[in-house]
Amino acid sequence: RCERVVLAAGAWAGRLGMLAGADLSLSPLRRHLMQLVGEDMPR
């Protein structure tokens, strides 16, 4: 039992809102990160 809930679940927040009947448009977008190695890399 609780009186107040904070939806701070990142990419899952939108799905949790729908479970409560409070739909909100939230879009999880993929972004890549790449580790590059080679000569003359920045200090």
All heavy atoms as atom14 arrays in JSON, in Angstrom:
{
  "sequence": "RCERVVLAAGAWAGRLGMLAGADLSLSPLRRHLMQLVGEDMPR",
  "atom14_mask": [
    [1, 1, 1, 1, 1, 1, 1, 1, 1, 1, 1, 0, 0, 0],
    [1, 1, 1, 1, 1, 1, 0, 0, 0, 0, 0, 0, 0, 0],
    [1, 1, 1, 1, 1, 1, 1, 1, 1, 0, 0, 0, 0, 0],
    [1, 1, 1, 1, 1, 1, 1, 1, 1, 1, 1, 0, 0, 0],
    [1, 1, 1, 1, 1, 1, 1, 0, 0, 0, 0, 0, 0, 0],
    [1, 1, 1, 1, 1, 1, 1, 0, 0, 0, 0, 0, 0, 0],
    [1, 1, 1, 1, 1, 1, 1, 1, 0, 0, 0, 0, 0, 0],
    [1, 1, 1, 1, 1, 0, 0, 0, 0, 0, 0, 0, 0, 0],
    [1, 1, 1, 1, 1, 0, 0, 0, 0, 0, 0, 0, 0, 0],
    [1, 1, 1, 1, 0, 0, 0, 0, 0, 0, 0, 0, 0, 0],
    [1, 1, 1, 1, 1, 0, 0, 0, 0, 0, 0, 0, 0, 0],
    [1, 1, 1, 1, 1, 1, 1, 1, 1, 1, 1, 1, 1, 1],
    [1, 1, 1, 1, 1, 0, 0, 0, 0, 0, 0, 0, 0, 0],
    [1, 1, 1, 1, 0, 0, 0, 0, 0, 0, 0, 0, 0, 0],
    [1, 1, 1, 1, 1, 1, 1, 1, 1, 1, 1, 0, 0, 0],
    [1, 1, 1, 1, 1, 1, 1, 1, 0, 0, 0, 0, 0, 0],
    [1, 1, 1, 1, 0, 0, 0, 0, 0, 0, 0, 0, 0, 0],
    [1, 1, 1, 1, 1, 1, 1, 1, 0, 0, 0, 0, 0, 0],
    [1, 1, 1, 1, 1, 1, 1, 1, 0, 0, 0, 0, 0, 0],
    [1, 1, 1, 1, 1, 0, 0, 0, 0, 0, 0, 0, 0, 0],
    [1, 1, 1, 1, 0, 0, 0, 0, 0, 0, 0, 0, 0, 0],
    [1, 1, 1, 1, 1, 0, 0, 0, 0, 0, 0, 0, 0, 0],
    [1, 1, 1, 1, 1, 1, 1, 1, 0, 0, 0, 0, 0, 0],
    [1, 1, 1, 1, 1, 1, 1, 1, 0, 0, 0, 0, 0, 0],
    [1, 1, 1, 1, 1, 1, 0, 0, 0, 0, 0, 0, 0, 0],
    [1, 1, 1, 1, 1, 1, 1, 1, 0, 0, 0, 0, 0, 0],
    [1, 1, 1, 1, 1, 1, 0, 0, 0, 0, 0, 0, 0, 0],
    [1, 1, 1, 1, 1, 1, 1, 0, 0, 0, 0, 0, 0, 0],
    [1, 1, 1, 1, 1, 1, 1, 1, 0, 0, 0, 0, 0, 0],
    [1, 1, 1, 1, 1, 1, 1, 1, 1, 1, 1, 0, 0, 0],
    [1, 1, 1, 1, 1, 1, 1, 1, 1, 1, 1, 0, 0, 0],
    [1, 1, 1, 1, 1, 1, 1, 1, 1, 1, 0, 0, 0, 0],
    [1, 1, 1, 1, 1, 1, 1, 1, 0, 0, 0, 0, 0, 0],
    [1, 1, 1, 1, 1, 1, 1, 1, 0, 0, 0, 0, 0, 0],
    [1, 1, 1, 1, 1, 1, 1, 1, 1, 0, 0, 0, 0, 0],
    [1, 1, 1, 1, 1, 1, 1, 1, 0, 0, 0, 0, 0, 0],
    [1, 1, 1, 1, 1, 1, 1, 0, 0, 0, 0, 0, 0, 0],
    [1, 1, 1, 1, 0, 0, 0, 0, 0, 0, 0, 0, 0, 0],
    [1, 1, 1, 1, 1, 1, 1, 1, 1, 0, 0, 0, 0, 0],
    [1, 1, 1, 1, 1, 1, 1, 1, 0, 0, 0, 0, 0, 0],
    [1, 1, 1, 1, 1, 1, 1, 1, 0, 0, 0, 0, 0, 0],
    [1, 1, 1, 1, 1, 1, 1, 0, 0, 0, 0, 0, 0, 0],
    [1, 1, 1, 1, 1, 1, 1, 1, 1, 1, 1, 0, 0, 0]
  ],
  "atom14_positions": [
    [[0.84, -1.2, 0.0], [0.0, 0.0, 0.0], [0.88, 1.25, 0.0], [1.92, 1.3, 0.65], [-0.92, 0.01, 1.22], [-1.96, -1.12, 1.22], [-2.92, -0.97, 2.38], [-3.64, 0.3, 2.32], [-4.71, 0.51, 1.56], [-5.18, -0.44, 0.8], [-5.33, 1.7, 1.58], [0.0, 0.0, 0.0], [0.0, 0.0, 0.0], [0.0, 0.0, 0.0]],
    [[0.44, 2.25, -0.74], [1.17, 3.51, -0.78], [0.23, 4.62, -1.21], [-0.78, 4.37, -1.88], [2.38, 3.43, -1.7], [1.97, 3.05, -3.41], [0.0, 0.0, 0.0], [0.0, 0.0, 0.0], [0.0, 0.0, 0.0], [0.0, 0.0, 0.0], [0.0, 0.0, 0.0], [0.0, 0.0, 0.0], [0.0, 0.0, 0.0], [0.0, 0.0, 0.0]],
    [[0.57, 5.83, -0.84], [-0.23, 6.99, -1.2], [0.3, 7.72, -2.42], [-0.44, 8.39, -3.14], [-0.3, 7.96, -0.03], [-1.0, 7.4, 1.21], [-0.99, 8.38, 2.36], [-0.33, 9.45, 2.22], [-1.61, 8.1, 3.39], [0.0, 0.0, 0.0], [0.0, 0.0, 0.0], [0.0, 0.0, 0.0], [0.0, 0.0, 0.0], [0.0, 0.0, 0.0]],
    [[1.62, 7.6, -2.64], [2.24, 8.31, -3.76], [3.31, 7.44, -4.39], [4.03, 6.71, -3.7], [2.83, 9.64, -3.29], [1.78, 10.65, -2.89], [2.38, 11.92, -2.33], [3.03, 11.68, -1.03], [3.64, 12.64, -0.33], [3.68, 13.88, -0.81], [4.19, 12.36, 0.83], [0.0, 0.0, 0.0], [0.0, 0.0, 0.0], [0.0, 0.0, 0.0]],
    [[3.41, 7.53, -5.71], [4.38, 6.76, -6.48], [5.14, 7.7, -7.4], [4.54, 8.59, -8.03], [3.69, 5.66, -7.32], [4.68, 5.03, -8.29], [3.07, 4.6, -6.43], [0.0, 0.0, 0.0], [0.0, 0.0, 0.0], [0.0, 0.0, 0.0], [0.0, 0.0, 0.0], [0.0, 0.0, 0.0], [0.0, 0.0, 0.0], [0.0, 0.0, 0.0]],
    [[6.45, 7.52, -7.5], [7.28, 8.26, -8.45], [7.74, 7.29, -9.53], [8.41, 6.29, -9.22], [8.5, 8.9, -7.77], [9.33, 9.67, -8.8], [8.07, 9.82, -6.63], [0.0, 0.0, 0.0], [0.0, 0.0, 0.0], [0.0, 0.0, 0.0], [0.0, 0.0, 0.0], [0.0, 0.0, 0.0], [0.0, 0.0, 0.0], [0.0, 0.0, 0.0]],
    [[7.39, 7.57, -10.78], [7.83, 6.74, -11.9], [9.16, 7.29, -12.41], [9.2, 8.24, -13.18], [6.79, 6.75, -13.01], [5.39, 6.24, -12.64], [4.47, 6.25, -13.85], [5.47, 4.84, -12.04], [0.0, 0.0, 0.0], [0.0, 0.0, 0.0], [0.0, 0.0, 0.0], [0.0, 0.0, 0.0], [0.0, 0.0, 0.0], [0.0, 0.0, 0.0]],
    [[10.25, 6.69, -11.92], [11.6, 7.11, -12.3], [12.35, 5.95, -12.92], [13.52, 5.71, -12.64], [12.35, 7.63, -11.07], [0.0, 0.0, 0.0], [0.0, 0.0, 0.0], [0.0, 0.0, 0.0], [0.0, 0.0, 0.0], [0.0, 0.0, 0.0], [0.0, 0.0, 0.0], [0.0, 0.0, 0.0], [0.0, 0.0, 0.0], [0.0, 0.0, 0.0]],
    [[11.66, 5.21, -13.78], [12.17, 3.94, -14.3], [12.75, 4.04, -15.7], [12.78, 3.05, -16.43], [11.05, 2.9, -14.27], [0.0, 0.0, 0.0], [0.0, 0.0, 0.0], [0.0, 0.0, 0.0], [0.0, 0.0, 0.0], [0.0, 0.0, 0.0], [0.0, 0.0, 0.0], [0.0, 0.0, 0.0], [0.0, 0.0, 0.0], [0.0, 0.0, 0.0]],
    [[13.2, 5.22, -16.1], [13.88, 5.36, -17.37], [13.04, 4.91, -18.55], [11.89, 5.34, -18.73], [0.0, 0.0, 0.0], [0.0, 0.0, 0.0], [0.0, 0.0, 0.0], [0.0, 0.0, 0.0], [0.0, 0.0, 0.0], [0.0, 0.0, 0.0], [0.0, 0.0, 0.0], [0.0, 0.0, 0.0], [0.0, 0.0, 0.0], [0.0, 0.0, 0.0]],
    [[13.59, 4.0, -19.35], [12.9, 3.54, -20.55], [11.61, 2.79, -20.25], [10.75, 2.64, -21.12], [13.84, 2.65, -21.36], [0.0, 0.0, 0.0], [0.0, 0.0, 0.0], [0.0, 0.0, 0.0], [0.0, 0.0, 0.0], [0.0, 0.0, 0.0], [0.0, 0.0, 0.0], [0.0, 0.0, 0.0], [0.0, 0.0, 0.0], [0.0, 0.0, 0.0]],
    [[11.46, 2.31, -19.01], [10.26, 1.56, -18.62], [9.16, 2.46, -18.05], [8.07, 1.98, -17.77], [10.62, 0.5, -17.58], [11.33, -0.68, -18.16], [10.78, -1.87, -18.58], [12.74, -0.81, -18.37], [11.76, -2.71, -19.05], [12.98, -2.08, -18.92], [13.82, 0.03, -18.15], [14.25, -2.53, -19.26], [15.09, -0.41, -18.49], [15.29, -1.68, -19.03]],
    [[9.43, 3.73, -17.85], [8.45, 4.61, -17.2], [7.14, 4.68, -17.98], [6.05, 4.67, -17.39], [9.04, 6.01, -17.03], [0.0, 0.0, 0.0], [0.0, 0.0, 0.0], [0.0, 0.0, 0.0], [0.0, 0.0, 0.0], [0.0, 0.0, 0.0], [0.0, 0.0, 0.0], [0.0, 0.0, 0.0], [0.0, 0.0, 0.0], [0.0, 0.0, 0.0]],
    [[7.24, 4.74, -19.3], [6.02, 4.82, -20.1], [5.13, 3.6, -19.93], [3.91, 3.71, -19.82], [0.0, 0.0, 0.0], [0.0, 0.0, 0.0], [0.0, 0.0, 0.0], [0.0, 0.0, 0.0], [0.0, 0.0, 0.0], [0.0, 0.0, 0.0], [0.0, 0.0, 0.0], [0.0, 0.0, 0.0], [0.0, 0.0, 0.0], [0.0, 0.0, 0.0]],
    [[5.74, 2.41, -19.9], [4.97, 1.18, -19.7], [4.32, 1.15, -18.32], [3.18, 0.7, -18.17], [5.88, -0.03, -19.9], [6.33, -0.25, -21.33], [7.09, -1.54, -21.49], [7.45, -1.78, -22.88], [8.07, -2.88, -23.3], [8.42, -3.82, -22.43], [8.37, -3.03, -24.59], [0.0, 0.0, 0.0], [0.0, 0.0, 0.0], [0.0, 0.0, 0.0]],
    [[5.05, 1.62, -17.33], [4.47, 1.64, -15.99], [3.29, 2.6, -15.92], [2.28, 2.31, -15.26], [5.54, 2.05, -14.98], [6.63, 1.01, -14.69], [7.74, 1.62, -13.85], [6.05, -0.21, -14.0], [0.0, 0.0, 0.0], [0.0, 0.0, 0.0], [0.0, 0.0, 0.0], [0.0, 0.0, 0.0], [0.0, 0.0, 0.0], [0.0, 0.0, 0.0]],
    [[3.38, 3.73, -16.58], [2.27, 4.65, -16.6], [1.03, 4.04, -17.23], [-0.09, 4.21, -16.75], [0.0, 0.0, 0.0], [0.0, 0.0, 0.0], [0.0, 0.0, 0.0], [0.0, 0.0, 0.0], [0.0, 0.0, 0.0], [0.0, 0.0, 0.0], [0.0, 0.0, 0.0], [0.0, 0.0, 0.0], [0.0, 0.0, 0.0], [0.0, 0.0, 0.0]],
    [[1.23, 3.26, -18.3], [0.1, 2.6, -18.95], [-0.57, 1.6, -18.02], [-1.79, 1.43, -18.04], [0.58, 1.91, -20.23], [1.0, 2.86, -21.34], [1.59, 2.01, -22.82], [0.09, 1.17, -23.34], [0.0, 0.0, 0.0], [0.0, 0.0, 0.0], [0.0, 0.0, 0.0], [0.0, 0.0, 0.0], [0.0, 0.0, 0.0], [0.0, 0.0, 0.0]],
    [[0.23, 0.93, -17.18], [-0.35, -0.03, -16.23], [-1.3, 0.66, -15.25], [-2.23, 0.04, -14.75], [0.77, -0.73, -15.44], [1.67, -1.69, -16.22], [2.78, -2.2, -15.31], [0.88, -2.85, -16.8], [0.0, 0.0, 0.0], [0.0, 0.0, 0.0], [0.0, 0.0, 0.0], [0.0, 0.0, 0.0], [0.0, 0.0, 0.0], [0.0, 0.0, 0.0]],
    [[-1.04, 1.92, -15.0], [-1.89, 2.68, -14.08], [-3.0, 3.42, -14.8], [-3.78, 4.13, -14.17], [-1.04, 3.67, -13.28], [0.0, 0.0, 0.0], [0.0, 0.0, 0.0], [0.0, 0.0, 0.0], [0.0, 0.0, 0.0], [0.0, 0.0, 0.0], [0.0, 0.0, 0.0], [0.0, 0.0, 0.0], [0.0, 0.0, 0.0], [0.0, 0.0, 0.0]],
    [[-3.05, 3.28, -16.13], [-4.07, 3.99, -16.89], [-3.71, 5.42, -17.19], [-4.59, 6.25, -17.44], [0.0, 0.0, 0.0], [0.0, 0.0, 0.0], [0.0, 0.0, 0.0], [0.0, 0.0, 0.0], [0.0, 0.0, 0.0], [0.0, 0.0, 0.0], [0.0, 0.0, 0.0], [0.0, 0.0, 0.0], [0.0, 0.0, 0.0], [0.0, 0.0, 0.0]],
    [[-2.42, 5.73, -17.16], [-1.95, 7.1, -17.42], [-0.92, 7.05, -18.55], [0.29, 7.04, -18.31], [-1.35, 7.72, -16.16], [0.0, 0.0, 0.0], [0.0, 0.0, 0.0], [0.0, 0.0, 0.0], [0.0, 0.0, 0.0], [0.0, 0.0, 0.0], [0.0, 0.0, 0.0], [0.0, 0.0, 0.0], [0.0, 0.0, 0.0], [0.0, 0.0, 0.0]],
    [[-1.41, 6.98, -19.77], [-0.53, 6.87, -20.92], [0.19, 8.2, -21.16], [-0.4, 9.27, -21.08], [-1.36, 6.49, -22.16], [-0.48, 6.15, -23.35], [0.72, 5.92, -23.13], [-0.99, 6.11, -24.48], [0.0, 0.0, 0.0], [0.0, 0.0, 0.0], [0.0, 0.0, 0.0], [0.0, 0.0, 0.0], [0.0, 0.0, 0.0], [0.0, 0.0, 0.0]],
    [[1.48, 8.1, -21.43], [2.29, 9.28, -21.73], [3.3, 8.87, -22.8], [3.95, 7.84, -22.68], [3.01, 9.76, -20.47], [3.48, 11.22, -20.44], [2.31, 12.17, -20.52], [4.3, 11.49, -19.2], [0.0, 0.0, 0.0], [0.0, 0.0, 0.0], [0.0, 0.0, 0.0], [0.0, 0.0, 0.0], [0.0, 0.0, 0.0], [0.0, 0.0, 0.0]],
    [[3.44, 9.68, -23.8], [4.31, 9.34, -24.92], [5.78, 9.53, -24.53], [6.26, 10.65, -24.37], [3.99, 10.22, -26.13], [4.86, 9.92, -27.2], [0.0, 0.0, 0.0], [0.0, 0.0, 0.0], [0.0, 0.0, 0.0], [0.0, 0.0, 0.0], [0.0, 0.0, 0.0], [0.0, 0.0, 0.0], [0.0, 0.0, 0.0], [0.0, 0.0, 0.0]],
    [[6.46, 8.4, -24.36], [7.89, 8.39, -24.06], [8.57, 7.46, -25.05], [8.12, 6.33, -25.25], [8.16, 7.94, -22.63], [7.67, 8.86, -21.52], [7.78, 8.18, -20.17], [8.47, 10.17, -21.51], [0.0, 0.0, 0.0], [0.0, 0.0, 0.0], [0.0, 0.0, 0.0], [0.0, 0.0, 0.0], [0.0, 0.0, 0.0], [0.0, 0.0, 0.0]],
    [[9.66, 7.9, -25.65], [10.32, 7.14, -26.7], [11.74, 6.78, -26.3], [12.61, 7.67, -26.25], [10.34, 7.95, -28.0], [9.04, 8.28, -28.42], [0.0, 0.0, 0.0], [0.0, 0.0, 0.0], [0.0, 0.0, 0.0], [0.0, 0.0, 0.0], [0.0, 0.0, 0.0], [0.0, 0.0, 0.0], [0.0, 0.0, 0.0], [0.0, 0.0, 0.0]],
    [[12.03, 5.5, -26.03], [13.42, 5.07, -25.79], [14.18, 5.01, -27.11], [13.79, 4.28, -28.03], [13.28, 3.68, -25.17], [11.83, 3.54, -24.81], [11.09, 4.4, -25.79], [0.0, 0.0, 0.0], [0.0, 0.0, 0.0], [0.0, 0.0, 0.0], [0.0, 0.0, 0.0], [0.0, 0.0, 0.0], [0.0, 0.0, 0.0], [0.0, 0.0, 0.0]],
    [[15.24, 5.79, -27.23], [16.01, 5.87, -28.46], [17.41, 5.32, -28.23], [18.09, 5.67, -27.27], [16.11, 7.32, -28.93], [14.78, 8.04, -29.17], [15.03, 9.5, -29.54], [13.97, 7.35, -30.25], [0.0, 0.0, 0.0], [0.0, 0.0, 0.0], [0.0, 0.0, 0.0], [0.0, 0.0, 0.0], [0.0, 0.0, 0.0], [0.0, 0.0, 0.0]],
    [[17.84, 4.46, -29.14], [19.17, 3.84, -29.04], [20.26, 4.81, -29.47], [20.09, 5.55, -30.45], [19.23, 2.6, -29.94], [20.54, 1.81, -29.84], [20.63, 0.82, -30.96], [20.74, 1.51, -32.25], [20.51, 0.92, -33.42], [20.12, -0.34, -33.47], [20.64, 1.6, -34.55], [0.0, 0.0, 0.0], [0.0, 0.0, 0.0], [0.0, 0.0, 0.0]],
    [[21.37, 4.8, -28.75], [22.55, 5.56, -29.11], [23.79, 4.71, -28.9], [23.93, 4.06, -27.86], [22.66, 6.86, -28.32], [23.98, 7.6, -28.54], [23.94, 9.03, -28.06], [23.07, 9.83, -28.91], [22.95, 11.16, -28.8], [23.63, 11.82, -27.88], [22.14, 11.82, -29.6], [0.0, 0.0, 0.0], [0.0, 0.0, 0.0], [0.0, 0.0, 0.0]],
    [[24.69, 4.73, -29.88], [25.92, 3.93, -29.81], [27.07, 4.71, -29.18], [27.17, 5.93, -29.34], [26.35, 3.48, -31.2], [25.59, 2.3, -31.73], [24.31, 2.4, -32.18], [25.95, 0.99, -31.86], [23.89, 1.21, -32.59], [24.86, 0.33, -32.4], [0.0, 0.0, 0.0], [0.0, 0.0, 0.0], [0.0, 0.0, 0.0], [0.0, 0.0, 0.0]],
    [[27.92, 3.98, -28.49], [29.21, 4.49, -28.01], [30.28, 3.53, -28.5], [30.1, 2.3, -28.47], [29.24, 4.57, -26.49], [28.39, 5.69, -25.88], [28.17, 5.44, -24.39], [29.06, 7.04, -26.1], [0.0, 0.0, 0.0], [0.0, 0.0, 0.0], [0.0, 0.0, 0.0], [0.0, 0.0, 0.0], [0.0, 0.0, 0.0], [0.0, 0.0, 0.0]],
    [[31.41, 4.08, -28.94], [32.48, 3.26, -29.49], [33.82, 3.68, -28.93], [34.14, 4.88, -28.92], [32.5, 3.36, -31.02], [31.18, 2.95, -31.67], [31.16, 3.17, -33.44], [29.37, 3.11, -33.74], [0.0, 0.0, 0.0], [0.0, 0.0, 0.0], [0.0, 0.0, 0.0], [0.0, 0.0, 0.0], [0.0, 0.0, 0.0], [0.0, 0.0, 0.0]],
    [[34.58, 2.71, -28.48], [35.93, 2.94, -27.99], [36.89, 2.8, -29.16], [36.99, 1.73, -29.77], [36.28, 1.93, -26.89], [37.69, 2.01, -26.37], [37.9, 3.17, -25.43], [36.98, 3.56, -24.73], [39.1, 3.71, -25.38], [0.0, 0.0, 0.0], [0.0, 0.0, 0.0], [0.0, 0.0, 0.0], [0.0, 0.0, 0.0], [0.0, 0.0, 0.0]],
    [[37.58, 3.89, -29.5], [38.51, 3.9, -30.62], [39.95, 3.92, -30.1], [40.26, 4.63, -29.14], [38.28, 5.13, -31.51], [36.85, 5.41, -31.99], [36.83, 6.65, -32.87], [36.28, 4.21, -32.72], [0.0, 0.0, 0.0], [0.0, 0.0, 0.0], [0.0, 0.0, 0.0], [0.0, 0.0, 0.0], [0.0, 0.0, 0.0], [0.0, 0.0, 0.0]],
    [[40.81, 3.15, -30.75], [42.23, 3.12, -30.39], [43.06, 3.25, -31.66], [42.62, 2.91, -32.75], [42.61, 1.83, -29.64], [41.91, 1.76, -28.3], [42.27, 0.59, -30.47], [0.0, 0.0, 0.0], [0.0, 0.0, 0.0], [0.0, 0.0, 0.0], [0.0, 0.0, 0.0], [0.0, 0.0, 0.0], [0.0, 0.0, 0.0], [0.0, 0.0, 0.0]],
    [[44.26, 3.79, -31.49], [45.15, 3.97, -32.63], [46.28, 4.9, -32.27], [46.49, 5.24, -31.1], [0.0, 0.0, 0.0], [0.0, 0.0, 0.0], [0.0, 0.0, 0.0], [0.0, 0.0, 0.0], [0.0, 0.0, 0.0], [0.0, 0.0, 0.0], [0.0, 0.0, 0.0], [0.0, 0.0, 0.0], [0.0, 0.0, 0.0], [0.0, 0.0, 0.0]],
    [[46.99, 5.35, -33.27], [48.1, 6.26, -33.05], [47.59, 7.69, -32.87], [46.52, 8.05, -33.35], [49.08, 6.21, -34.23], [49.72, 4.83, -34.43], [50.68, 4.83, -35.59], [50.81, 5.87, -36.26], [51.28, 3.76, -35.85], [0.0, 0.0, 0.0], [0.0, 0.0, 0.0], [0.0, 0.0, 0.0], [0.0, 0.0, 0.0], [0.0, 0.0, 0.0]],
    [[48.38, 8.48, -32.17], [48.09, 9.91, -32.01], [46.71, 10.16, -31.4], [45.97, 11.05, -31.83], [48.21, 10.64, -33.35], [49.59, 10.52, -33.95], [50.56, 10.56, -33.18], [49.68, 10.38, -35.18], [0.0, 0.0, 0.0], [0.0, 0.0, 0.0], [0.0, 0.0, 0.0], [0.0, 0.0, 0.0], [0.0, 0.0, 0.0], [0.0, 0.0, 0.0]],
    [[46.38, 9.37, -30.4], [45.13, 9.62, -29.69], [45.25, 10.85, -28.8], [46.35, 11.2, -28.35], [44.77, 8.41, -28.83], [44.31, 7.18, -29.61], [42.65, 7.35, -30.31], [43.02, 7.64, -32.04], [0.0, 0.0, 0.0], [0.0, 0.0, 0.0], [0.0, 0.0, 0.0], [0.0, 0.0, 0.0], [0.0, 0.0, 0.0], [0.0, 0.0, 0.0]],
    [[44.14, 11.55, -28.53], [44.2, 12.75, -27.67], [44.69, 12.41, -26.27], [44.46, 11.31, -25.76], [42.74, 13.22, -27.63], [42.11, 12.61, -28.83], [42.8, 11.31, -29.06], [0.0, 0.0, 0.0], [0.0, 0.0, 0.0], [0.0, 0.0, 0.0], [0.0, 0.0, 0.0], [0.0, 0.0, 0.0], [0.0, 0.0, 0.0], [0.0, 0.0, 0.0]],
    [[45.38, 13.37, -25.65], [45.8, 13.21, -24.26], [44.57, 13.29, -23.36], [43.53, 13.87, -23.72], [46.79, 14.3, -23.86], [48.04, 14.34, -24.73], [49.0, 15.4, -24.19], [48.36, 16.69, -24.06], [48.24, 17.56, -25.05], [48.7, 17.28, -26.25], [47.64, 18.72, -24.84], [0.0, 0.0, 0.0], [0.0, 0.0, 0.0], [0.0, 0.0, 0.0]]
  ]
}
